Amino acid sequence: MYTRRKFINTSVLTGASLFIAANSVAEVISVKSDHSSESKPVVISTWDFGIAANMAAWEVLNNNGRALDAVEKGVRVPEADPKNQSVGFGGLPDRDGKVTLDACIMDEFGNCGSVAGLEQILHPVSVARKVMEKTPHVMLVGDGALQFALEQGFKKVKLLTSESEKAWKAWLKKAEYKPIINSENKSFRPDKLPGNQYNHDTIGMLALDSFGNLSGACTTSGMAYKMHGRVGDSPIIGAGLYIDNEIGGATATGVGEEVIRNVGSFLVVELMRNGYSPADACKEAVMRIIKKKPENAKHIQVSFIALNKKGEYGSYAIQKGFSFAVCNAENQELLLKGNSYY
């Protein structure tokens, strides 16, 4: 069995084959599942902390639950983990010492909800779902999002842990803003740096349930030591996340500004609509980012994962070191090494 500490390079899976197309710079990994019910359900998510999140989502999917319920339950795991300094509780703060959270969720009907710059609430993804289900709006931000959350029964929580506060104070000594590529991958990241500035990103999750319906969620505490008020791609429908139940879904991680500029997740889904495999769609979206700013691309990370209606999934990233987690009936602890340009 492949576990959270083992990456797949080549393999043959029951009911699926792992297709690897090598080129001069990278491997393209795309898992091809057949069209039978054996390919469903499945859930995929970004980074190695996606394994625990996927297992929580699988509890819903394995009992014929709805994909929407699965992704909400799944991403709530890293949201509540104080050891994960890139999502939710314990997240690294902005340069003013405030932990601000962004999240969105989208279902099979095209309904979506989002919050940005939310403070003092443990589970922003659940607030985003309330925005989707209880309001005529898609996004609430800042104080308005907090007011709404409190009205819906959420309780205030101190999100800044002593460890993250200590890291922030260490960062203040020089106040240099230099996010480190692939910081989210614990097996890849460099040795601990002053101020823990290496840890600064997102969990995005996509699920296909036993009824053949798709949903997705994306949640983050954003880039560490960002300007107060900065919002990345994670809560923006079409950028950090997009679902089209006729085609598939996509989600992003990395430098959100570049994802926003290219409306990345929507682009991936539209490419799948036009016949691209999930992996090839992710690759094309990454290549468009690189093409627009080739010099800048050498110093940033952007990664996409995608899942289509057939249960096929894939990824692509600018830099090496990206990983994504997969959970299905055959394996609940699958971690795949994402393919990359550099």
C-alpha atoms as a PDB file:
ATOM      1  CA  MET A   1       0.000   0.000   0.000  1.00  0.00           C
ATOM      2  CA  TYR A   2       1.205   3.499  -0.796  1.00  0.00           C
ATOM      3  CA  THR A   3       0.948   5.727   2.264  1.00  0.00           C
ATOM      4  CA  ARG A   4       1.300   9.403   3.074  1.00  0.00           C
ATOM      5  CA  ARG A   5       5.103   9.191   2.973  1.00  0.00           C
ATOM      6  CA  LYS A   6       5.356   7.415  -0.365  1.00  0.00           C
ATOM      7  CA  PHE A   7       4.920   9.052  -3.752  1.00  0.00           C
ATOM      8  CA  ILE A   8       3.709   7.250  -6.880  1.00  0.00           C
ATOM      9  CA  ASN A   9       5.835   7.493 -10.004  1.00  0.00           C
ATOM     10  CA  THR A  10       4.562   4.499 -11.961  1.00  0.00           C
ATOM     11  CA  SER A  11       1.970   1.929 -10.965  1.00  0.00           C
ATOM     12  CA  VAL A  12      -1.079  -0.036 -12.080  1.00  0.00           C
ATOM     13  CA  LEU A  13      -4.197   0.295  -9.966  1.00  0.00           C
ATOM     14  CA  THR A  14      -7.313  -1.876  -9.850  1.00  0.00           C
ATOM     15  CA  GLY A  15      -9.783  -0.346 -12.296  1.00  0.00           C
ATOM     16  CA  ALA A  16      -7.294   2.336 -13.253  1.00  0.00           C
ATOM     17  CA  SER A  17      -4.004   2.843 -15.013  1.00  0.00           C
ATOM     18  CA  LEU A  18      -1.421   5.488 -14.263  1.00  0.00           C
ATOM     19  CA  PHE A  19      -0.499   7.232 -17.508  1.00  0.00           C
ATOM     20  CA  ILE A  20       2.867   8.979 -17.541  1.00  0.00           C
ATOM     21  CA  ALA A  21       3.836  11.064 -20.534  1.00  0.00           C
ATOM     22  CA  ALA A  22       7.420  12.224 -20.179  1.00  0.00           C
ATOM     23  CA  ASN A  23       8.767  15.318 -21.877  1.00  0.00           C
ATOM     24  CA  SER A  24      12.031  17.242 -21.679  1.00  0.00           C
ATOM     25  CA  VAL A  25      11.159  19.073 -18.490  1.00  0.00           C
ATOM     26  CA  ALA A  26       8.635  17.074 -16.530  1.00  0.00           C
ATOM     27  CA  GLU A  27       6.363  14.117 -16.092  1.00  0.00           C
ATOM     28  CA  VAL A  28       2.634  14.444 -16.667  1.00  0.00           C
ATOM     29  CA  ILE A  29       0.698  12.290 -14.231  1.00  0.00           C
ATOM     30  CA  SER A  30      -2.919  11.513 -15.010  1.00  0.00           C
ATOM     31  CA  VAL A  31      -4.829   8.648 -13.442  1.00  0.00           C
ATOM     32  CA  LYS A  32      -7.329   7.164 -15.873  1.00  0.00           C
ATOM     33  CA  SER A  33     -10.330   5.466 -14.283  1.00  0.00           C
ATOM     34  CA  ASP A  34     -12.951   3.536 -16.197  1.00  0.00           C
ATOM     35  CA  HIS A  35     -16.501   4.833 -16.564  1.00  0.00           C
ATOM     36  CA  SER A  36     -18.135   2.267 -14.300  1.00  0.00           C
ATOM     37  CA  SER A  37     -19.396   2.916 -10.800  1.00  0.00           C
ATOM     38  CA  GLU A  38     -16.056   1.582  -9.546  1.00  0.00           C
ATOM     39  CA  SER A  39     -14.551   4.971 -10.362  1.00  0.00           C
ATOM     40  CA  LYS A  40     -16.854   6.670  -7.867  1.00  0.00           C
ATOM     41  CA  PRO A  41     -16.677   8.047  -5.292  1.00  0.00           C
ATOM     42  CA  VAL A  42     -13.300   9.783  -5.183  1.00  0.00           C
ATOM     43  CA  VAL A  43     -11.872  12.819  -3.415  1.00  0.00           C
ATOM     44  CA  ILE A  44      -8.634  14.671  -4.145  1.00  0.00           C
ATOM     45  CA  SER A  45      -6.969  17.583  -2.351  1.00  0.00           C
ATOM     46  CA  THR A  46      -3.782  19.633  -2.307  1.00  0.00           C
ATOM     47  CA  TRP A  47      -0.618  18.871  -0.318  1.00  0.00           C
ATOM     48  CA  ASP A  48       0.203  16.093   2.115  1.00  0.00           C
ATOM     49  CA  PHE A  49      -2.143  17.457   4.774  1.00  0.00           C
ATOM     50  CA  GLY A  50      -4.877  16.605   2.287  1.00  0.00           C
ATOM     51  CA  ILE A  51      -4.608  12.950   3.336  1.00  0.00           C
ATOM     52  CA  ALA A  52      -6.266  13.488   6.721  1.00  0.00           C
ATOM     53  CA  ALA A  53      -8.789  15.837   5.114  1.00  0.00           C
ATOM     54  CA  ASN A  54      -9.629  13.273   2.435  1.00  0.00           C
ATOM     55  CA  MET A  55     -10.209  10.559   5.022  1.00  0.00           C
ATOM     56  CA  ALA A  56     -12.769  12.757   6.771  1.00  0.00           C
ATOM     57  CA  ALA A  57     -14.460  13.445   3.435  1.00  0.00           C
ATOM     58  CA  TRP A  58     -14.408   9.727   2.653  1.00  0.00           C
ATOM     59  CA  GLU A  59     -16.567   8.997   5.703  1.00  0.00           C
ATOM     60  CA  VAL A  60     -19.333  10.914   3.930  1.00  0.00           C
ATOM     61  CA  LEU A  61     -18.710   9.590   0.438  1.00  0.00           C
ATOM     62  CA  ASN A  62     -18.399   5.961   1.518  1.00  0.00           C
ATOM     63  CA  ASN A  63     -21.881   6.171   3.021  1.00  0.00           C
ATOM     64  CA  ASN A  64     -23.418   7.478  -0.210  1.00  0.00           C
ATOM     65  CA  GLY A  65     -23.286  11.017   1.085  1.00  0.00           C
ATOM     66  CA  ARG A  66     -23.303  14.170  -0.989  1.00  0.00           C
ATOM     67  CA  ALA A  67     -20.022  15.528  -2.362  1.00  0.00           C
ATOM     68  CA  LEU A  68     -20.839  18.949  -0.898  1.00  0.00           C
ATOM     69  CA  ASP A  69     -21.044  17.544   2.629  1.00  0.00           C
ATOM     70  CA  ALA A  70     -17.846  15.599   2.032  1.00  0.00           C
ATOM     71  CA  VAL A  71     -15.714  18.568   0.985  1.00  0.00           C
ATOM     72  CA  GLU A  72     -16.973  20.718   3.836  1.00  0.00           C
ATOM     73  CA  LYS A  73     -16.215  18.009   6.392  1.00  0.00           C
ATOM     74  CA  GLY A  74     -12.863  17.296   4.783  1.00  0.00           C
ATOM     75  CA  VAL A  75     -11.378  20.785   4.766  1.00  0.00           C
ATOM     76  CA  ARG A  76     -12.589  21.443   8.289  1.00  0.00           C
ATOM     77  CA  VAL A  77      -9.821  19.073   9.435  1.00  0.00           C
ATOM     78  CA  PRO A  78      -6.885  21.319   8.495  1.00  0.00           C
ATOM     79  CA  GLU A  79      -8.919  24.390   9.445  1.00  0.00           C
ATOM     80  CA  ALA A  80      -8.963  23.119  13.050  1.00  0.00           C
ATOM     81  CA  ASP A  81      -5.355  21.879  13.159  1.00  0.00           C
ATOM     82  CA  PRO A  82      -3.102  24.341  15.034  1.00  0.00           C
ATOM     83  CA  LYS A  83      -0.014  22.573  13.670  1.00  0.00           C
ATOM     84  CA  ASN A  84      -0.991  23.572  10.129  1.00  0.00           C
ATOM     85  CA  GLN A  85       0.144  27.175   9.888  1.00  0.00           C
ATOM     86  CA  SER A  86      -1.255  27.733   6.406  1.00  0.00           C
ATOM     87  CA  VAL A  87      -4.945  27.032   7.054  1.00  0.00           C
ATOM     88  CA  GLY A  88      -7.330  28.220   9.752  1.00  0.00           C
ATOM     89  CA  PHE A  89      -6.622  27.956  13.477  1.00  0.00           C
ATOM     90  CA  GLY A  90      -2.931  28.594  14.099  1.00  0.00           C
ATOM     91  CA  GLY A  91      -2.444  30.119  10.673  1.00  0.00           C
ATOM     92  CA  LEU A  92       0.390  32.598  10.322  1.00  0.00           C
ATOM     93  CA  PRO A  93      -0.919  36.166  10.604  1.00  0.00           C
ATOM     94  CA  ASP A  94      -0.640  39.177   8.355  1.00  0.00           C
ATOM     95  CA  ARG A  95       2.059  41.757   8.998  1.00  0.00           C
ATOM     96  CA  ASP A  96      -0.176  43.411  11.621  1.00  0.00           C
ATOM     97  CA  GLY A  97      -0.450  40.182  13.600  1.00  0.00           C
ATOM     98  CA  LYS A  98      -4.039  39.385  12.585  1.00  0.00           C
ATOM     99  CA  VAL A  99      -5.092  35.952  11.328  1.00  0.00           C
ATOM    100  CA  THR A 100      -7.545  36.478   8.472  1.00  0.00           C
ATOM    101  CA  LEU A 101      -9.218  33.567   6.728  1.00  0.00           C
ATOM    102  CA  ASP A 102     -10.548  33.065   3.193  1.00  0.00           C
ATOM    103  CA  ALA A 103     -12.725  30.189   1.976  1.00  0.00           C
ATOM    104  CA  CYS A 104     -15.256  29.176  -0.638  1.00  0.00           C
ATOM    105  CA  ILE A 105     -17.453  26.223  -1.494  1.00  0.00           C
ATOM    106  CA  MET A 106     -19.363  25.222  -4.638  1.00  0.00           C
ATOM    107  CA  ASP A 107     -21.918  22.475  -5.288  1.00  0.00           C
ATOM    108  CA  GLU A 108     -23.180  20.445  -8.235  1.00  0.00           C
ATOM    109  CA  PHE A 109     -25.911  22.974  -9.066  1.00  0.00           C
ATOM    110  CA  GLY A 110     -23.523  25.872  -9.497  1.00  0.00           C
ATOM    111  CA  ASN A 111     -24.431  27.335  -6.112  1.00  0.00           C
ATOM    112  CA  CYS A 112     -21.472  28.906  -4.328  1.00  0.00           C
ATOM    113  CA  GLY A 113     -20.550  30.850  -1.234  1.00  0.00           C
ATOM    114  CA  SER A 114     -17.441  32.643  -0.071  1.00  0.00           C
ATOM    115  CA  VAL A 115     -15.889  34.624   2.761  1.00  0.00           C
ATOM    116  CA  ALA A 116     -12.737  36.744   2.723  1.00  0.00           C
ATOM    117  CA  GLY A 117     -10.757  38.487   5.443  1.00  0.00           C
ATOM    118  CA  LEU A 118     -12.761  36.680   8.119  1.00  0.00           C
ATOM    119  CA  GLU A 119     -11.342  36.919  11.651  1.00  0.00           C
ATOM    120  CA  GLN A 120     -12.041  34.997  14.889  1.00  0.00           C
ATOM    121  CA  ILE A 121     -14.051  32.157  13.325  1.00  0.00           C
ATOM    122  CA  LEU A 122     -12.708  28.594  13.355  1.00  0.00           C
ATOM    123  CA  HIS A 123     -14.381  27.206  10.213  1.00  0.00           C
ATOM    124  CA  PRO A 124     -14.634  29.751   7.385  1.00  0.00           C
ATOM    125  CA  VAL A 125     -15.685  27.037   4.919  1.00  0.00           C
ATOM    126  CA  SER A 126     -18.845  26.446   6.942  1.00  0.00           C
ATOM    127  CA  VAL A 127     -19.546  30.176   7.004  1.00  0.00           C
ATOM    128  CA  ALA A 128     -19.080  30.179   3.214  1.00  0.00           C
ATOM    129  CA  ARG A 129     -21.665  27.424   2.949  1.00  0.00           C
ATOM    130  CA  LYS A 130     -24.086  29.483   5.032  1.00  0.00           C
ATOM    131  CA  VAL A 131     -23.511  32.419   2.686  1.00  0.00           C
ATOM    132  CA  MET A 132     -24.426  30.102  -0.193  1.00  0.00           C
ATOM    133  CA  GLU A 133     -27.520  28.667   1.467  1.00  0.00           C
ATOM    134  CA  LYS A 134     -28.851  31.537   3.598  1.00  0.00           C
ATOM    135  CA  THR A 135     -28.176  34.697   1.607  1.00  0.00           C
ATOM    136  CA  PRO A 136     -28.770  36.001  -1.933  1.00  0.00           C
ATOM    137  CA  HIS A 137     -25.037  36.750  -2.168  1.00  0.00           C
ATOM    138  CA  VAL A 138     -21.898  34.845  -3.121  1.00  0.00           C
ATOM    139  CA  MET A 139     -19.242  36.614  -1.021  1.00  0.00           C
ATOM    140  CA  LEU A 140     -19.096  38.398   2.325  1.00  0.00           C
ATOM    141  CA  VAL A 141     -15.905  40.032   3.569  1.00  0.00           C
ATOM    142  CA  GLY A 142     -14.280  41.384   6.716  1.00  0.00           C
ATOM    143  CA  ASP A 143     -16.530  42.721   9.450  1.00  0.00           C
ATOM    144  CA  GLY A 144     -19.638  41.870   7.447  1.00  0.00           C
ATOM    145  CA  ALA A 145     -18.582  38.245   7.182  1.00  0.00           C
ATOM    146  CA  LEU A 146     -17.905  38.134  10.918  1.00  0.00           C
ATOM    147  CA  GLN A 147     -21.272  39.733  11.725  1.00  0.00           C
ATOM    148  CA  PHE A 148     -23.028  37.165   9.540  1.00  0.00           C
ATOM    149  CA  ALA A 149     -21.109  34.272  11.104  1.00  0.00           C
ATOM    150  CA  LEU A 150     -22.077  35.356  14.606  1.00  0.00           C
ATOM    151  CA  GLU A 151     -25.722  35.721  13.535  1.00  0.00           C
ATOM    152  CA  GLN A 152     -25.575  32.142  12.248  1.00  0.00           C
ATOM    153  CA  GLY A 153     -24.383  30.853  15.612  1.00  0.00           C
ATOM    154  CA  PHE A 154     -20.633  30.624  15.083  1.00  0.00           C
ATOM    155  CA  LYS A 155     -18.527  31.522  18.118  1.00  0.00           C
ATOM    156  CA  LYS A 156     -15.481  33.752  18.292  1.00  0.00           C
ATOM    157  CA  VAL A 157     -12.169  31.930  18.659  1.00  0.00           C
ATOM    158  CA  LYS A 158      -8.659  33.276  19.134  1.00  0.00           C
ATOM    159  CA  LEU A 159      -6.966  32.050  15.958  1.00  0.00           C
ATOM    160  CA  LEU A 160      -3.448  33.304  16.697  1.00  0.00           C
ATOM    161  CA  THR A 161      -1.632  30.551  18.595  1.00  0.00           C
ATOM    162  CA  SER A 162       1.457  31.178  20.709  1.00  0.00           C
ATOM    163  CA  GLU A 163       3.623  29.413  18.107  1.00  0.00           C
ATOM    164  CA  SER A 164       2.356  31.557  15.241  1.00  0.00           C
ATOM    165  CA  GLU A 165       2.627  34.713  17.339  1.00  0.00           C
ATOM    166  CA  LYS A 166       6.231  33.839  18.149  1.00  0.00           C
ATOM    167  CA  ALA A 167       6.952  33.300  14.460  1.00  0.00           C
ATOM    168  CA  TRP A 168       5.361  36.647  13.574  1.00  0.00           C
ATOM    169  CA  LYS A 169       7.428  38.492  16.175  1.00  0.00           C
ATOM    170  CA  ALA A 170      10.591  36.855  14.833  1.00  0.00           C
ATOM    171  CA  TRP A 171       9.618  37.952  11.330  1.00  0.00           C
ATOM    172  CA  LEU A 172       9.087  41.551  12.506  1.00  0.00           C
ATOM    173  CA  LYS A 173      12.800  41.904  13.290  1.00  0.00           C
ATOM    174  CA  LYS A 174      13.542  42.228   9.573  1.00  0.00           C
ATOM    175  CA  ALA A 175      10.027  42.318   8.120  1.00  0.00           C
ATOM    176  CA  GLU A 176      11.165  40.750   4.854  1.00  0.00           C
ATOM    177  CA  TYR A 177       8.420  39.334   2.698  1.00  0.00           C
ATOM    178  CA  LYS A 178       9.922  36.330   0.926  1.00  0.00           C
ATOM    179  CA  PRO A 179       7.481  33.407   0.721  1.00  0.00           C
ATOM    180  CA  ILE A 180       9.246  30.093   0.190  1.00  0.00           C
ATOM    181  CA  ILE A 181       8.211  27.834  -2.708  1.00  0.00           C
ATOM    182  CA  ASN A 182       6.558  24.526  -1.747  1.00  0.00           C
ATOM    183  CA  SER A 183       6.547  25.365   1.954  1.00  0.00           C
ATOM    184  CA  GLU A 184       3.337  23.364   2.376  1.00  0.00           C
ATOM    185  CA  ASN A 185       5.062  20.084   1.497  1.00  0.00           C
ATOM    186  CA  LYS A 186       6.641  18.979   4.770  1.00  0.00           C
ATOM    187  CA  SER A 187       8.814  16.412   3.013  1.00  0.00           C
ATOM    188  CA  PHE A 188      10.153  19.017   0.555  1.00  0.00           C
ATOM    189  CA  ARG A 189      10.470  22.288   2.441  1.00  0.00           C
ATOM    190  CA  PRO A 190      13.831  23.638   3.629  1.00  0.00           C
ATOM    191  CA  ASP A 191      14.959  23.720   7.227  1.00  0.00           C
ATOM    192  CA  LYS A 192      12.931  25.918   9.527  1.00  0.00           C
ATOM    193  CA  LEU A 193      13.501  29.563   8.752  1.00  0.00           C
ATOM    194  CA  PRO A 194      13.232  32.540  11.120  1.00  0.00           C
ATOM    195  CA  GLY A 195       9.620  33.501  11.473  1.00  0.00           C
ATOM    196  CA  ASN A 196       8.298  30.280   9.934  1.00  0.00           C
ATOM    197  CA  GLN A 197       7.812  32.211   6.707  1.00  0.00           C
ATOM    198  CA  TYR A 198       7.934  28.975   4.742  1.00  0.00           C
ATOM    199  CA  ASN A 199       4.354  27.990   5.538  1.00  0.00           C
ATOM    200  CA  HIS A 200       1.708  30.003   3.715  1.00  0.00           C
ATOM    201  CA  ASP A 201      -0.907  28.309   1.622  1.00  0.00           C
ATOM    202  CA  THR A 202      -4.144  26.482   0.907  1.00  0.00           C
ATOM    203  CA  ILE A 203      -6.125  23.290   0.919  1.00  0.00           C
ATOM    204  CA  GLY A 204      -8.336  22.828  -2.119  1.00  0.00           C
ATOM    205  CA  MET A 205     -10.562  19.741  -2.321  1.00  0.00           C
ATOM    206  CA  LEU A 206     -12.664  18.195  -5.107  1.00  0.00           C
ATOM    207  CA  ALA A 207     -15.068  15.277  -4.688  1.00  0.00           C
ATOM    208  CA  LEU A 208     -17.154  13.060  -6.953  1.00  0.00           C
ATOM    209  CA  ASP A 209     -19.868  11.189  -5.063  1.00  0.00           C
ATOM    210  CA  SER A 210     -21.574   7.877  -5.780  1.00  0.00           C
ATOM    211  CA  PHE A 211     -24.374   9.721  -7.608  1.00  0.00           C
ATOM    212  CA  GLY A 212     -21.873  11.192 -10.063  1.00  0.00           C
ATOM    213  CA  ASN A 213     -22.101  14.725  -8.670  1.00  0.00           C
ATOM    214  CA  LEU A 214     -19.181  17.058  -8.037  1.00  0.00           C
ATOM    215  CA  SER A 215     -18.465  19.661  -5.372  1.00  0.00           C
ATOM    216  CA  GLY A 216     -15.402  21.520  -4.157  1.00  0.00           C
ATOM    217  CA  ALA A 217     -14.047  23.649  -1.330  1.00  0.00           C
ATOM    218  CA  CYS A 218     -10.992  25.822  -0.787  1.00  0.00           C
ATOM    219  CA  THR A 219      -9.778  27.373   2.472  1.00  0.00           C
ATOM    220  CA  THR A 220      -6.668  29.195   3.692  1.00  0.00           C
ATOM    221  CA  SER A 221      -5.216  31.682   6.127  1.00  0.00           C
ATOM    222  CA  GLY A 222      -3.451  33.228   3.166  1.00  0.00           C
ATOM    223  CA  MET A 223       0.151  34.177   2.691  1.00  0.00           C
ATOM    224  CA  ALA A 224       2.034  34.735   5.910  1.00  0.00           C
ATOM    225  CA  TYR A 225       2.782  38.380   6.755  1.00  0.00           C
ATOM    226  CA  LYS A 226       0.695  39.689   3.852  1.00  0.00           C
ATOM    227  CA  MET A 227      -0.608  43.254   3.919  1.00  0.00           C
ATOM    228  CA  HIS A 228      -3.706  43.516   6.072  1.00  0.00           C
ATOM    229  CA  GLY A 229      -6.700  43.231   3.776  1.00  0.00           C
ATOM    230  CA  ARG A 230      -4.934  41.186   1.100  1.00  0.00           C
ATOM    231  CA  VAL A 231      -7.153  38.505  -0.448  1.00  0.00           C
ATOM    232  CA  GLY A 232      -5.784  35.771  -2.681  1.00  0.00           C
ATOM    233  CA  ASP A 233      -7.480  33.403  -5.074  1.00  0.00           C
ATOM    234  CA  SER A 234      -8.864  30.921  -2.521  1.00  0.00           C
ATOM    235  CA  PRO A 235     -12.272  32.570  -1.896  1.00  0.00           C
ATOM    236  CA  ILE A 236     -12.769  33.687  -5.491  1.00  0.00           C
ATOM    237  CA  ILE A 237     -15.043  31.455  -7.544  1.00  0.00           C
ATOM    238  CA  GLY A 238     -13.389  30.768 -10.878  1.00  0.00           C
ATOM    239  CA  ALA A 239      -9.903  31.505  -9.575  1.00  0.00           C
ATOM    240  CA  GLY A 240      -9.222  29.311  -6.547  1.00  0.00           C
ATOM    241  CA  LEU A 241     -12.106  26.922  -7.240  1.00  0.00           C
ATOM    242  CA  TYR A 242     -14.622  26.099  -9.940  1.00  0.00           C
ATOM    243  CA  ILE A 243     -17.148  23.287 -10.414  1.00  0.00           C
ATOM    244  CA  ASP A 244     -19.202  22.470 -13.503  1.00  0.00           C
ATOM    245  CA  ASN A 245     -21.183  19.312 -12.853  1.00  0.00           C
ATOM    246  CA  GLU A 246     -21.361  18.521 -16.565  1.00  0.00           C
ATOM    247  CA  ILE A 247     -17.585  18.538 -16.935  1.00  0.00           C
ATOM    248  CA  GLY A 248     -15.509  18.512 -13.744  1.00  0.00           C
ATOM    249  CA  GLY A 249     -13.857  20.684 -11.154  1.00  0.00           C
ATOM    250  CA  ALA A 250     -10.531  22.345 -10.467  1.00  0.00           C
ATOM    251  CA  THR A 251      -8.810  24.085  -7.578  1.00  0.00           C
ATOM    252  CA  ALA A 252      -5.550  25.957  -7.151  1.00  0.00           C
ATOM    253  CA  THR A 253      -2.784  26.523  -4.646  1.00  0.00           C
ATOM    254  CA  GLY A 254       0.241  28.821  -4.654  1.00  0.00           C
ATOM    255  CA  VAL A 255       0.594  32.525  -5.360  1.00  0.00           C
ATOM    256  CA  GLY A 256      -3.014  33.609  -5.575  1.00  0.00           C
ATOM    257  CA  GLU A 257      -2.394  36.811  -7.486  1.00  0.00           C
ATOM    258  CA  GLU A 258      -1.258  34.827 -10.534  1.00  0.00           C
ATOM    259  CA  VAL A 259      -4.230  32.468 -10.280  1.00  0.00           C
ATOM    260  CA  ILE A 260      -6.620  35.424 -10.145  1.00  0.00           C
ATOM    261  CA  ARG A 261      -5.021  37.114 -13.152  1.00  0.00           C
ATOM    262  CA  ASN A 262      -5.632  33.993 -15.218  1.00  0.00           C
ATOM    263  CA  VAL A 263      -8.990  32.933 -13.695  1.00  0.00           C
ATOM    264  CA  GLY A 264      -7.172  29.651 -13.278  1.00  0.00           C
ATOM    265  CA  SER A 265      -9.683  27.096 -12.049  1.00  0.00           C
ATOM    266  CA  PHE A 266     -12.365  28.205 -14.500  1.00  0.00           C
ATOM    267  CA  LEU A 267      -9.783  27.950 -17.265  1.00  0.00           C
ATOM    268  CA  VAL A 268      -8.914  24.373 -16.287  1.00  0.00           C
ATOM    269  CA  VAL A 269     -12.570  23.326 -16.361  1.00  0.00           C
ATOM    270  CA  GLU A 270     -13.162  24.991 -19.723  1.00  0.00           C
ATOM    271  CA  LEU A 271     -10.129  23.217 -21.150  1.00  0.00           C
ATOM    272  CA  MET A 272     -11.581  19.905 -19.958  1.00  0.00           C
ATOM    273  CA  ARG A 273     -14.838  20.885 -21.669  1.00  0.00           C
ATOM    274  CA  ASN A 274     -12.835  21.189 -24.872  1.00  0.00           C
ATOM    275  CA  GLY A 275     -11.407  17.698 -24.578  1.00  0.00           C
ATOM    276  CA  TYR A 276      -8.296  18.112 -22.426  1.00  0.00           C
ATOM    277  CA  SER A 277      -7.567  15.476 -19.797  1.00  0.00           C
ATOM    278  CA  PRO A 278      -7.430  16.804 -16.207  1.00  0.00           C
ATOM    279  CA  ALA A 279      -3.612  16.741 -16.181  1.00  0.00           C
ATOM    280  CA  ASP A 280      -3.287  18.383 -19.590  1.00  0.00           C
ATOM    281  CA  ALA A 281      -5.814  21.067 -18.635  1.00  0.00           C
ATOM    282  CA  CYS A 282      -3.819  21.850 -15.488  1.00  0.00           C
ATOM    283  CA  LYS A 283      -0.627  21.979 -17.527  1.00  0.00           C
ATOM    284  CA  GLU A 284      -2.088  24.396 -20.079  1.00  0.00           C
ATOM    285  CA  ALA A 285      -3.290  26.712 -17.296  1.00  0.00           C
ATOM    286  CA  VAL A 286       0.194  26.706 -15.759  1.00  0.00           C
ATOM    287  CA  MET A 287       1.827  27.343 -19.122  1.00  0.00           C
ATOM    288  CA  ARG A 288      -0.338  30.418 -19.673  1.00  0.00           C
ATOM    289  CA  ILE A 289       0.905  31.839 -16.360  1.00  0.00           C
ATOM    290  CA  ILE A 290       4.501  31.126 -17.346  1.00  0.00           C
ATOM    291  CA  LYS A 291       4.058  32.578 -20.820  1.00  0.00           C
ATOM    292  CA  LYS A 292       2.723  35.880 -19.500  1.00  0.00           C
ATOM    293  CA  LYS A 293       5.510  36.370 -16.943  1.00  0.00           C
ATOM    294  CA  PRO A 294       8.351  33.924 -17.659  1.00  0.00           C
ATOM    295  CA  GLU A 295      10.922  35.635 -15.429  1.00  0.00           C
ATOM    296  CA  ASN A 296       8.510  35.951 -12.530  1.00  0.00           C
ATOM    297  CA  ALA A 297       7.450  32.312 -12.866  1.00  0.00           C
ATOM    298  CA  LYS A 298      10.925  31.105 -11.915  1.00  0.00           C
ATOM    299  CA  HIS A 299      10.416  32.412  -8.398  1.00  0.00           C
ATOM    300  CA  ILE A 300       6.829  31.409  -7.589  1.00  0.00           C
ATOM    301  CA  GLN A 301       4.710  28.307  -7.258  1.00  0.00           C
ATOM    302  CA  VAL A 302       1.235  27.796  -8.688  1.00  0.00           C
ATOM    303  CA  SER A 303      -0.360  24.354  -8.813  1.00  0.00           C
ATOM    304  CA  PHE A 304      -3.697  23.061 -10.061  1.00  0.00           C
ATOM    305  CA  ILE A 305      -5.541  19.810  -9.480  1.00  0.00           C
ATOM    306  CA  ALA A 306      -8.565  18.709 -11.490  1.00  0.00           C
ATOM    307  CA  LEU A 307     -11.194  15.972 -11.388  1.00  0.00           C
ATOM    308  CA  ASN A 308     -13.651  15.181 -14.186  1.00  0.00           C
ATOM    309  CA  LYS A 309     -17.023  13.440 -14.309  1.00  0.00           C
ATOM    310  CA  LYS A 310     -15.384  10.155 -15.286  1.00  0.00           C
ATOM    311  CA  GLY A 311     -13.346  10.051 -12.098  1.00  0.00           C
ATOM    312  CA  GLU A 312     -10.111  10.947 -13.904  1.00  0.00           C
ATOM    313  CA  TYR A 313      -7.815  13.314 -12.075  1.00  0.00           C
ATOM    314  CA  GLY A 314      -4.484  15.039 -12.584  1.00  0.00           C
ATOM    315  CA  SER A 315      -2.302  17.978 -11.648  1.00  0.00           C
ATOM    316  CA  TYR A 316       0.389  20.335 -12.864  1.00  0.00           C
ATOM    317  CA  ALA A 317       2.633  22.894 -11.141  1.00  0.00           C
ATOM    318  CA  ILE A 318       5.206  25.497 -12.060  1.00  0.00           C
ATOM    319  CA  GLN A 319       7.825  24.131  -9.675  1.00  0.00           C
ATOM    320  CA  LYS A 320       8.761  20.655  -8.490  1.00  0.00           C
ATOM    321  CA  GLY A 321       7.747  19.668  -4.972  1.00  0.00           C
ATOM    322  CA  PHE A 322       3.957  19.878  -5.248  1.00  0.00           C
ATOM    323  CA  SER A 323       1.952  16.905  -4.016  1.00  0.00           C
ATOM    324  CA  PHE A 324      -1.732  16.051  -3.891  1.00  0.00           C
ATOM    325  CA  ALA A 325      -3.718  13.448  -1.993  1.00  0.00           C
ATOM    326  CA  VAL A 326      -6.258  10.980  -3.404  1.00  0.00           C
ATOM    327  CA  CYS A 327      -8.830   8.865  -1.606  1.00  0.00           C
ATOM    328  CA  ASN A 328     -11.036   6.216  -3.212  1.00  0.00           C
ATOM    329  CA  ALA A 329     -12.300   2.690  -2.537  1.00  0.00           C
ATOM    330  CA  GLU A 330      -8.895   1.201  -3.309  1.00  0.00           C
ATOM    331  CA  ASN A 331      -6.757   3.480  -1.150  1.00  0.00           C
ATOM    332  CA  GLN A 332      -7.442   6.090   1.499  1.00  0.00           C
ATOM    333  CA  GLU A 333      -3.849   7.314   1.931  1.00  0.00           C
ATOM    334  CA  LEU A 334      -2.634   7.906  -1.591  1.00  0.00           C
ATOM    335  CA  LEU A 335      -0.163  10.756  -2.121  1.00  0.00           C
ATOM    336  CA  LEU A 336       0.900  11.650  -5.653  1.00  0.00           C
ATOM    337  CA  LYS A 337       3.899  13.683  -6.710  1.00  0.00           C
ATOM    338  CA  GLY A 338       2.639  16.483  -8.887  1.00  0.00           C
ATOM    339  CA  ASN A 339       4.166  17.026 -12.310  1.00  0.00           C
ATOM    340  CA  SER A 340       5.862  20.351 -12.992  1.00  0.00           C
ATOM    341  CA  TYR A 341       7.446  22.642 -15.549  1.00  0.00           C
ATOM    342  CA  TYR A 342      10.733  23.424 -13.820  1.00  0.00           C
END
